[in-house]
C-alpha atoms as a PDB file:
ATOM      1  CA  ARG A   1      72.781 -23.583  17.846  1.00  0.00           C
ATOM      2  CA  ARG A   2      70.391 -25.708  19.742  1.00  0.00           C
ATOM      3  CA  CYS A   3      67.622 -24.031  21.674  1.00  0.00           C
ATOM      4  CA  GLY A   4      65.637 -25.502  24.595  1.00  0.00           C
ATOM      5  CA  TRP A   5      61.964 -24.334  24.500  1.00  0.00           C
ATOM      6  CA  LEU A   6      60.742 -22.002  27.175  1.00  0.00           C
ATOM      7  CA  ASP A   7      58.936 -23.797  29.983  1.00  0.00           C
ATOM      8  CA  GLY A   8      55.929 -21.685  30.620  1.00  0.00           C
ATOM      9  CA  VAL A   9      54.552 -23.999  33.286  1.00  0.00           C
ATOM     10  CA  ALA A  10      57.663 -23.555  35.382  1.00  0.00           C
ATOM     11  CA  LEU A  11      57.946 -19.805  34.725  1.00  0.00           C
ATOM     12  CA  ARG A  12      54.364 -19.286  35.709  1.00  0.00           C
ATOM     13  CA  PHE A  13      54.818 -21.274  38.904  1.00  0.00           C
ATOM     14  CA  SER A  14      58.013 -19.360  39.636  1.00  0.00           C
ATOM     15  CA  HIS A  15      56.069 -16.166  39.396  1.00  0.00           C
ATOM     16  CA  ARG A  16      53.375 -17.302  41.655  1.00  0.00           C
ATOM     17  CA  ILE A  17      56.074 -17.953  44.283  1.00  0.00           C
ATOM     18  CA  ASN A  18      58.181 -14.891  43.666  1.00  0.00           C
ATOM     19  CA  ASP A  19      55.587 -12.287  42.494  1.00  0.00           C
ATOM     20  CA  TYR A  20      57.737 -10.757  39.782  1.00  0.00           C
ATOM     21  CA  THR A  21      56.770  -7.158  38.799  1.00  0.00           C
ATOM     22  CA  SER A  22      58.465  -7.662  35.368  1.00  0.00           C
ATOM     23  CA  ILE A  23      60.833  -9.948  33.607  1.00  0.00           C
ATOM     24  CA  ASN A  24      63.578  -9.618  31.030  1.00  0.00           C
ATOM     25  CA  LEU A  25      63.484 -11.802  27.996  1.00  0.00           C
ATOM     26  CA  THR A  26      67.001 -12.415  26.791  1.00  0.00           C
ATOM     27  CA  LYS A  27      68.516 -13.833  23.657  1.00  0.00           C
ATOM     28  CA  LEU A  28      65.402 -13.466  21.535  1.00  0.00           C
ATOM     29  CA  ASP A  29      67.813 -13.045  18.553  1.00  0.00           C
ATOM     30  CA  VAL A  30      68.944 -16.620  18.848  1.00  0.00           C
ATOM     31  CA  LEU A  31      65.486 -17.825  17.750  1.00  0.00           C
ATOM     32  CA  SER A  32      65.796 -16.100  14.454  1.00  0.00           C
ATOM     33  CA  GLY A  33      65.711 -18.694  11.714  1.00  0.00           C
ATOM     34  CA  LEU A  34      63.769 -21.326  13.479  1.00  0.00           C
ATOM     35  CA  PRO A  35      60.563 -22.079  11.506  1.00  0.00           C
ATOM     36  CA  THR A  36      58.532 -22.904  14.508  1.00  0.00           C
ATOM     37  CA  LEU A  37      58.859 -21.935  18.287  1.00  0.00           C
ATOM     38  CA  GLN A  38      57.332 -24.002  21.157  1.00  0.00           C
ATOM     39  CA  ILE A  39      56.469 -22.857  24.684  1.00  0.00           C
ATOM     40  CA  ALA A  40      55.488 -25.493  27.257  1.00  0.00           C
ATOM     41  CA  VAL A  41      51.987 -24.715  28.460  1.00  0.00           C
ATOM     42  CA  GLY A  42      50.946 -27.867  30.276  1.00  0.00           C
ATOM     43  CA  TYR A  43      52.061 -31.105  31.723  1.00  0.00           C
ATOM     44  CA  CYS A  44      50.334 -34.594  31.696  1.00  0.00           C
ATOM     45  CA  VAL A  45      51.344 -37.682  33.810  1.00  0.00           C
ATOM     46  CA  ASP A  46      49.691 -41.021  33.136  1.00  0.00           C
ATOM     47  CA  GLY A  47      47.050 -39.271  30.998  1.00  0.00           C
ATOM     48  CA  GLN A  48      46.055 -36.740  33.614  1.00  0.00           C
ATOM     49  CA  TYR A  49      46.559 -33.169  33.110  1.00  0.00           C
ATOM     50  CA  LEU A  50      48.322 -31.458  36.009  1.00  0.00           C
ATOM     51  CA  THR A  51      46.776 -28.267  37.315  1.00  0.00           C
ATOM     52  CA  SER A  52      49.964 -27.030  38.885  1.00  0.00           C
ATOM     53  CA  PHE A  53      53.741 -27.554  38.876  1.00  0.00           C
ATOM     54  CA  PRO A  54      54.557 -30.900  40.525  1.00  0.00           C
ATOM     55  CA  ALA A  55      56.311 -30.709  43.747  1.00  0.00           C
ATOM     56  CA  ASP A  56      57.589 -34.246  43.532  1.00  0.00           C
ATOM     57  CA  LEU A  57      60.695 -34.641  41.210  1.00  0.00           C
ATOM     58  CA  SER A  58      59.713 -38.258  40.421  1.00  0.00           C
ATOM     59  CA  VAL A  59      56.382 -36.925  38.918  1.00  0.00           C
ATOM     60  CA  LEU A  60      58.247 -34.215  37.081  1.00  0.00           C
ATOM     61  CA  ALA A  61      60.550 -36.698  35.502  1.00  0.00           C
ATOM     62  CA  ARG A  62      57.548 -38.495  33.911  1.00  0.00           C
ATOM     63  CA  VAL A  63      55.566 -35.493  32.560  1.00  0.00           C
ATOM     64  CA  GLU A  64      54.520 -35.361  28.924  1.00  0.00           C
ATOM     65  CA  VAL A  65      54.851 -31.694  27.881  1.00  0.00           C
ATOM     66  CA  GLU A  66      52.053 -29.871  25.975  1.00  0.00           C
ATOM     67  CA  TYR A  67      53.422 -27.201  23.753  1.00  0.00           C
ATOM     68  CA  LYS A  68      51.987 -23.976  22.338  1.00  0.00           C
ATOM     69  CA  ARG A  69      53.420 -23.757  18.723  1.00  0.00           C
ATOM     70  CA  MET A  70      54.058 -20.477  17.148  1.00  0.00           C
ATOM     71  CA  PRO A  71      55.495 -19.326  13.836  1.00  0.00           C
ATOM     72  CA  GLY A  72      59.074 -18.244  13.932  1.00  0.00           C
ATOM     73  CA  TRP A  73      60.789 -15.544  11.981  1.00  0.00           C
ATOM     74  CA  THR A  74      63.850 -15.205   9.709  1.00  0.00           C
ATOM     75  CA  GLU A  75      64.828 -11.584  10.215  1.00  0.00           C
ATOM     76  CA  ASP A  76      68.056 -10.608  12.101  1.00  0.00           C
ATOM     77  CA  LEU A  77      66.905  -8.833  15.309  1.00  0.00           C
ATOM     78  CA  SER A  78      70.284  -7.354  16.294  1.00  0.00           C
ATOM     79  CA  GLN A  79      69.572  -4.075  14.554  1.00  0.00           C
ATOM     80  CA  CYS A  80      66.085  -3.686  16.196  1.00  0.00           C
ATOM     81  CA  THR A  81      66.097  -0.758  18.671  1.00  0.00           C
ATOM     82  CA  THR A  82      62.305  -0.539  19.323  1.00  0.00           C
ATOM     83  CA  TYR A  83      59.446  -3.024  19.806  1.00  0.00           C
ATOM     84  CA  ASP A  84      57.820  -1.896  16.612  1.00  0.00           C
ATOM     85  CA  ALA A  85      60.898  -2.799  14.610  1.00  0.00           C
ATOM     86  CA  LEU A  86      60.558  -6.468  15.586  1.00  0.00           C
ATOM     87  CA  PRO A  87      58.979  -8.819  13.140  1.00  0.00           C
ATOM     88  CA  GLN A  88      55.264  -9.596  13.850  1.00  0.00           C
ATOM     89  CA  ALA A  89      55.972 -13.097  14.687  1.00  0.00           C
ATOM     90  CA  ALA A  90      58.534 -12.125  17.385  1.00  0.00           C
ATOM     91  CA  LYS A  91      56.006  -9.551  18.765  1.00  0.00           C
ATOM     92  CA  ASP A  92      53.437 -12.290  18.919  1.00  0.00           C
ATOM     93  CA  TYR A  93      55.893 -14.506  20.851  1.00  0.00           C
ATOM     94  CA  VAL A  94      56.724 -11.823  23.380  1.00  0.00           C
ATOM     95  CA  GLN A  95      52.989 -11.028  23.826  1.00  0.00           C
ATOM     96  CA  PHE A  96      52.072 -14.615  24.335  1.00  0.00           C
ATOM     97  CA  ILE A  97      54.788 -15.072  27.028  1.00  0.00           C
ATOM     98  CA  GLN A  98      53.840 -11.989  29.020  1.00  0.00           C
ATOM     99  CA  THR A  99      50.041 -12.968  28.825  1.00  0.00           C
ATOM    100  CA  TRP A 100      50.688 -16.520  29.774  1.00  0.00           C
ATOM    101  CA  ILE A 101      52.845 -15.631  32.676  1.00  0.00           C
ATOM    102  CA  GLY A 102      50.828 -12.643  33.728  1.00  0.00           C
ATOM    103  CA  VAL A 103      53.908 -10.456  34.027  1.00  0.00           C
ATOM    104  CA  PRO A 104      55.038  -7.640  31.688  1.00  0.00           C
ATOM    105  CA  ILE A 105      58.299  -8.160  29.810  1.00  0.00           C
ATOM    106  CA  GLU A 106      60.229  -4.948  30.389  1.00  0.00           C
ATOM    107  CA  TRP A 107      63.402  -5.706  28.544  1.00  0.00           C
ATOM    108  CA  ILE A 108      64.067  -7.724  25.381  1.00  0.00           C
ATOM    109  CA  GLY A 109      67.576  -8.898  24.423  1.00  0.00           C
ATOM    110  CA  VAL A 110      68.060  -8.668  20.767  1.00  0.00           C
ATOM    111  CA  GLY A 111      71.813  -9.038  20.406  1.00  0.00           C
ATOM    112  CA  ALA A 112      75.114  -9.903  21.952  1.00  0.00           C
ATOM    113  CA  GLY A 113      76.005  -6.512  23.199  1.00  0.00           C
ATOM    114  CA  SER A 114      74.784  -5.214  26.609  1.00  0.00           C
ATOM    115  CA  ASP A 115      73.142  -2.244  24.738  1.00  0.00           C
ATOM    116  CA  ALA A 116      71.294  -4.697  22.495  1.00  0.00           C
ATOM    117  CA  MET A 117      68.164  -4.236  24.663  1.00  0.00           C
ATOM    118  CA  ILE A 118      64.631  -2.976  23.833  1.00  0.00           C
ATOM    119  CA  HIS A 119      62.759  -1.357  26.719  1.00  0.00           C
ATOM    120  CA  LEU A 120      59.114  -2.428  26.702  1.00  0.00           C
ATOM    121  CA  PRO A 121      56.723  -0.989  29.262  1.00  0.00           C
ATOM    122  CA  LEU A 122      53.494  -3.020  28.233  1.00  0.00           C
ATOM    123  CA  THR A 123      50.401  -3.825  30.218  1.00  0.00           C
ATOM    124  CA  VAL A 124      49.516  -7.462  30.681  1.00  0.00           C
ATOM    125  CA  GLU A 125      46.136  -9.291  30.345  1.00  0.00           C
ATOM    126  CA  THR A 126      45.192 -11.919  32.752  1.00  0.00           C
ATOM    127  CA  PRO A 127      46.513 -15.366  31.767  1.00  0.00           C
ATOM    128  CA  THR A 128      44.265 -18.161  30.854  1.00  0.00           C
ATOM    129  CA  GLU A 129      44.566 -21.373  32.870  1.00  0.00           C
ATOM    130  CA  HIS A 130      45.032 -23.552  29.888  1.00  0.00           C
ATOM    131  CA  ALA A 131      45.628 -22.589  26.235  1.00  0.00           C
END
């Protein structure tokens, strides 16, 4: 199954506009088996790093995306019922996202069923501007 990479730049911008108190990370299980995961952490246009999400769609169409690469995992997540049961690489992925966005991830989807959710009330560190 094909997966598009998480656009951390767009998600961080969305949080700045909407001021989320928490987010749900769904379908973490579909990333199982991918050797490397990527999260968009920056945009460049014409060799210039953009400091914010572009308001102009013609600029957005020309961005070169900078990715944070992280190791994937091979384990089946569908039987995980707690955060501690997740593989370390999955926990690192979750932690990076919530630190980068600056919003706690409260629920993690680990399977197809509506009950395949892990509740995760974590604190969040202040995100860095550019990783």
